[in-house]
Amino acid sequence: MTADALRPALLLWSQVISRPEPGLALLDFGKRDASFDVGLPVPREIRRSDGCSMPGKGLEVVSLNDQHAFVAVAGDTQLQVGDWVGCGLSHPCTVFDKWPLIPVVEDGVVVDYIRTLF
């Protein structure tokens, strides 16, 4: 299996809440929401309010505080306040500890919940 064949254990969706300066975006999740002990979350997808979707290339989570993710944005990456960013989480154990009920989403609709007992 190649590294390209691996996929995140969980996908965390969050919104861009601020673009305080060129090259920086803030997302509405942080250490309280996501695992970070085995690497920071990895932006995988961007979704706009019109439903348009694109790969998360050009984005990198560089830091987390309690409630916000700080994302470096490459100069040619179009990212605006209100966009949704799906971040892959590589290590679900600490997420299970934080979220005892995780929604299962298919095509943008919650179809089930998974109760975690960690």
C-alpha atoms as a PDB file:
ATOM      1  CA  MET A   1       0.000   0.000   0.000  1.00  0.00           C
ATOM      2  CA  THR A   2       1.363   3.436  -0.900  1.00  0.00           C
ATOM      3  CA  ALA A   3       0.987   6.597   1.150  1.00  0.00           C
ATOM      4  CA  ASP A   4      -1.401   7.896  -1.529  1.00  0.00           C
ATOM      5  CA  ALA A   5      -3.740   4.988  -0.774  1.00  0.00           C
ATOM      6  CA  LEU A   6      -4.059   5.921   2.902  1.00  0.00           C
ATOM      7  CA  ARG A   7      -6.989   8.053   3.979  1.00  0.00           C
ATOM      8  CA  PRO A   8      -7.856   9.775   7.240  1.00  0.00           C
ATOM      9  CA  ALA A   9      -9.570   7.817   9.992  1.00  0.00           C
ATOM     10  CA  LEU A  10     -12.008  10.712  10.499  1.00  0.00           C
ATOM     11  CA  LEU A  11     -12.885  13.891   8.617  1.00  0.00           C
ATOM     12  CA  LEU A  12     -13.590  17.012  10.678  1.00  0.00           C
ATOM     13  CA  TRP A  13     -15.578  19.783   8.945  1.00  0.00           C
ATOM     14  CA  SER A  14     -15.100  23.354  10.122  1.00  0.00           C
ATOM     15  CA  GLN A  15     -15.713  26.853   8.812  1.00  0.00           C
ATOM     16  CA  VAL A  16     -13.326  29.630   7.937  1.00  0.00           C
ATOM     17  CA  ILE A  17     -14.172  32.323  10.479  1.00  0.00           C
ATOM     18  CA  SER A  18     -11.450  34.854   9.691  1.00  0.00           C
ATOM     19  CA  ARG A  19      -8.857  35.825   7.083  1.00  0.00           C
ATOM     20  CA  PRO A  20      -6.956  38.341   9.263  1.00  0.00           C
ATOM     21  CA  GLU A  21      -4.043  38.690   6.837  1.00  0.00           C
ATOM     22  CA  PRO A  22      -2.874  37.290   3.498  1.00  0.00           C
ATOM     23  CA  GLY A  23      -1.600  33.759   3.931  1.00  0.00           C
ATOM     24  CA  LEU A  24      -3.566  33.075   7.138  1.00  0.00           C
ATOM     25  CA  ALA A  25      -7.026  31.698   7.891  1.00  0.00           C
ATOM     26  CA  LEU A  26      -8.676  30.757  11.179  1.00  0.00           C
ATOM     27  CA  LEU A  27     -11.012  27.771  11.425  1.00  0.00           C
ATOM     28  CA  ASP A  28     -13.604  27.184  14.141  1.00  0.00           C
ATOM     29  CA  PHE A  29     -12.070  24.097  15.760  1.00  0.00           C
ATOM     30  CA  GLY A  30      -9.141  23.614  18.078  1.00  0.00           C
ATOM     31  CA  LYS A  31      -7.490  21.321  20.605  1.00  0.00           C
ATOM     32  CA  ARG A  32     -10.829  20.762  22.340  1.00  0.00           C
ATOM     33  CA  ASP A  33     -12.254  19.246  19.152  1.00  0.00           C
ATOM     34  CA  ALA A  34      -9.502  17.432  17.258  1.00  0.00           C
ATOM     35  CA  SER A  35      -6.651  15.060  17.933  1.00  0.00           C
ATOM     36  CA  PHE A  36      -3.202  16.587  17.569  1.00  0.00           C
ATOM     37  CA  ASP A  37      -0.918  14.218  19.441  1.00  0.00           C
ATOM     38  CA  VAL A  38       0.205  12.379  16.282  1.00  0.00           C
ATOM     39  CA  GLY A  39       0.372  15.310  13.883  1.00  0.00           C
ATOM     40  CA  LEU A  40      -1.913  18.233  13.176  1.00  0.00           C
ATOM     41  CA  PRO A  41      -5.118  17.843  11.138  1.00  0.00           C
ATOM     42  CA  VAL A  42      -4.578  17.858   7.368  1.00  0.00           C
ATOM     43  CA  PRO A  43      -6.876  19.950   5.127  1.00  0.00           C
ATOM     44  CA  ARG A  44      -8.300  17.584   2.491  1.00  0.00           C
ATOM     45  CA  GLU A  45     -11.205  19.468   0.920  1.00  0.00           C
ATOM     46  CA  ILE A  46     -12.720  22.941   0.584  1.00  0.00           C
ATOM     47  CA  ARG A  47     -16.455  23.461   0.070  1.00  0.00           C
ATOM     48  CA  ARG A  48     -18.014  26.773  -0.826  1.00  0.00           C
ATOM     49  CA  SER A  49     -21.513  27.905   0.126  1.00  0.00           C
ATOM     50  CA  ASP A  50     -22.660  27.261  -3.465  1.00  0.00           C
ATOM     51  CA  GLY A  51     -21.731  23.564  -3.086  1.00  0.00           C
ATOM     52  CA  CYS A  52     -18.573  23.776  -5.201  1.00  0.00           C
ATOM     53  CA  SER A  53     -15.856  21.470  -3.874  1.00  0.00           C
ATOM     54  CA  MET A  54     -12.094  21.407  -4.439  1.00  0.00           C
ATOM     55  CA  PRO A  55      -9.040  19.690  -2.943  1.00  0.00           C
ATOM     56  CA  GLY A  56      -7.480  21.281   0.150  1.00  0.00           C
ATOM     57  CA  LYS A  57      -4.159  21.805  -1.631  1.00  0.00           C
ATOM     58  CA  GLY A  58      -2.370  24.959  -0.579  1.00  0.00           C
ATOM     59  CA  LEU A  59      -3.670  24.748   3.005  1.00  0.00           C
ATOM     60  CA  GLU A  60      -1.722  23.604   6.060  1.00  0.00           C
ATOM     61  CA  VAL A  61      -2.792  23.618   9.702  1.00  0.00           C
ATOM     62  CA  VAL A  62       0.245  25.100  11.434  1.00  0.00           C
ATOM     63  CA  SER A  63      -1.064  25.551  14.969  1.00  0.00           C
ATOM     64  CA  LEU A  64      -4.029  24.916  17.263  1.00  0.00           C
ATOM     65  CA  ASN A  65      -5.217  26.733  20.335  1.00  0.00           C
ATOM     66  CA  ASP A  66      -8.169  25.625  22.469  1.00  0.00           C
ATOM     67  CA  GLN A  67     -10.866  26.694  19.994  1.00  0.00           C
ATOM     68  CA  HIS A  68      -9.182  27.704  16.725  1.00  0.00           C
ATOM     69  CA  ALA A  69      -7.002  26.222  14.008  1.00  0.00           C
ATOM     70  CA  PHE A  70      -4.435  28.470  12.340  1.00  0.00           C
ATOM     71  CA  VAL A  71      -4.076  27.631   8.661  1.00  0.00           C
ATOM     72  CA  ALA A  72      -1.307  28.763   6.306  1.00  0.00           C
ATOM     73  CA  VAL A  73      -2.844  29.573   2.926  1.00  0.00           C
ATOM     74  CA  ALA A  74      -0.684  29.473  -0.210  1.00  0.00           C
ATOM     75  CA  GLY A  75      -0.836  32.629  -2.320  1.00  0.00           C
ATOM     76  CA  ASP A  76      -2.799  31.084  -5.189  1.00  0.00           C
ATOM     77  CA  THR A  77      -5.339  29.249  -2.982  1.00  0.00           C
ATOM     78  CA  GLN A  78      -8.773  30.833  -2.942  1.00  0.00           C
ATOM     79  CA  LEU A  79     -10.223  30.601   0.568  1.00  0.00           C
ATOM     80  CA  GLN A  80     -12.830  32.933   2.024  1.00  0.00           C
ATOM     81  CA  VAL A  81     -14.759  33.440   5.242  1.00  0.00           C
ATOM     82  CA  GLY A  82     -17.701  31.032   5.295  1.00  0.00           C
ATOM     83  CA  ASP A  83     -15.980  28.273   3.299  1.00  0.00           C
ATOM     84  CA  TRP A  84     -15.973  24.817   4.859  1.00  0.00           C
ATOM     85  CA  VAL A  85     -12.704  22.907   5.229  1.00  0.00           C
ATOM     86  CA  GLY A  86     -12.641  19.145   5.751  1.00  0.00           C
ATOM     87  CA  CYS A  87      -9.555  18.100   7.713  1.00  0.00           C
ATOM     88  CA  GLY A  88      -8.300  14.550   8.020  1.00  0.00           C
ATOM     89  CA  LEU A  89      -7.510  13.307  11.503  1.00  0.00           C
ATOM     90  CA  SER A  90      -4.891  10.606  11.617  1.00  0.00           C
ATOM     91  CA  HIS A  91      -5.289   9.436  15.195  1.00  0.00           C
ATOM     92  CA  PRO A  92      -8.911   8.915  16.263  1.00  0.00           C
ATOM     93  CA  CYS A  93      -8.369   7.732  19.843  1.00  0.00           C
ATOM     94  CA  THR A  94      -8.213  11.183  21.386  1.00  0.00           C
ATOM     95  CA  VAL A  95     -11.135  12.297  19.212  1.00  0.00           C
ATOM     96  CA  PHE A  96     -13.226   9.443  20.636  1.00  0.00           C
ATOM     97  CA  ASP A  97     -12.375  10.727  24.098  1.00  0.00           C
ATOM     98  CA  LYS A  98     -13.567  14.245  23.153  1.00  0.00           C
ATOM     99  CA  TRP A  99     -16.675  13.249  21.154  1.00  0.00           C
ATOM    100  CA  PRO A 100     -18.800  10.477  22.699  1.00  0.00           C
ATOM    101  CA  LEU A 101     -21.293  10.709  19.812  1.00  0.00           C
ATOM    102  CA  ILE A 102     -19.948  11.113  16.258  1.00  0.00           C
ATOM    103  CA  PRO A 103     -22.300  11.760  13.319  1.00  0.00           C
ATOM    104  CA  VAL A 104     -21.996   9.657  10.152  1.00  0.00           C
ATOM    105  CA  VAL A 105     -22.491  11.874   7.097  1.00  0.00           C
ATOM    106  CA  GLU A 106     -23.284  10.749   3.560  1.00  0.00           C
ATOM    107  CA  ASP A 107     -23.735  13.288   0.762  1.00  0.00           C
ATOM    108  CA  GLY A 108     -23.991  16.106   3.288  1.00  0.00           C
ATOM    109  CA  VAL A 109     -26.730  14.441   5.353  1.00  0.00           C
ATOM    110  CA  VAL A 110     -26.360  12.935   8.822  1.00  0.00           C
ATOM    111  CA  VAL A 111     -27.519   9.329   8.402  1.00  0.00           C
ATOM    112  CA  ASP A 112     -26.426   7.768  11.677  1.00  0.00           C
ATOM    113  CA  TYR A 113     -24.443   8.276  14.868  1.00  0.00           C
ATOM    114  CA  ILE A 114     -21.626   6.233  16.357  1.00  0.00           C
ATOM    115  CA  ARG A 115     -21.394   6.126  20.129  1.00  0.00           C
ATOM    116  CA  THR A 116     -17.787   5.922  21.275  1.00  0.00           C
ATOM    117  CA  LEU A 117     -16.848   4.164  24.484  1.00  0.00           C
ATOM    118  CA  PHE A 118     -13.230   5.099  24.901  1.00  0.00           C
END
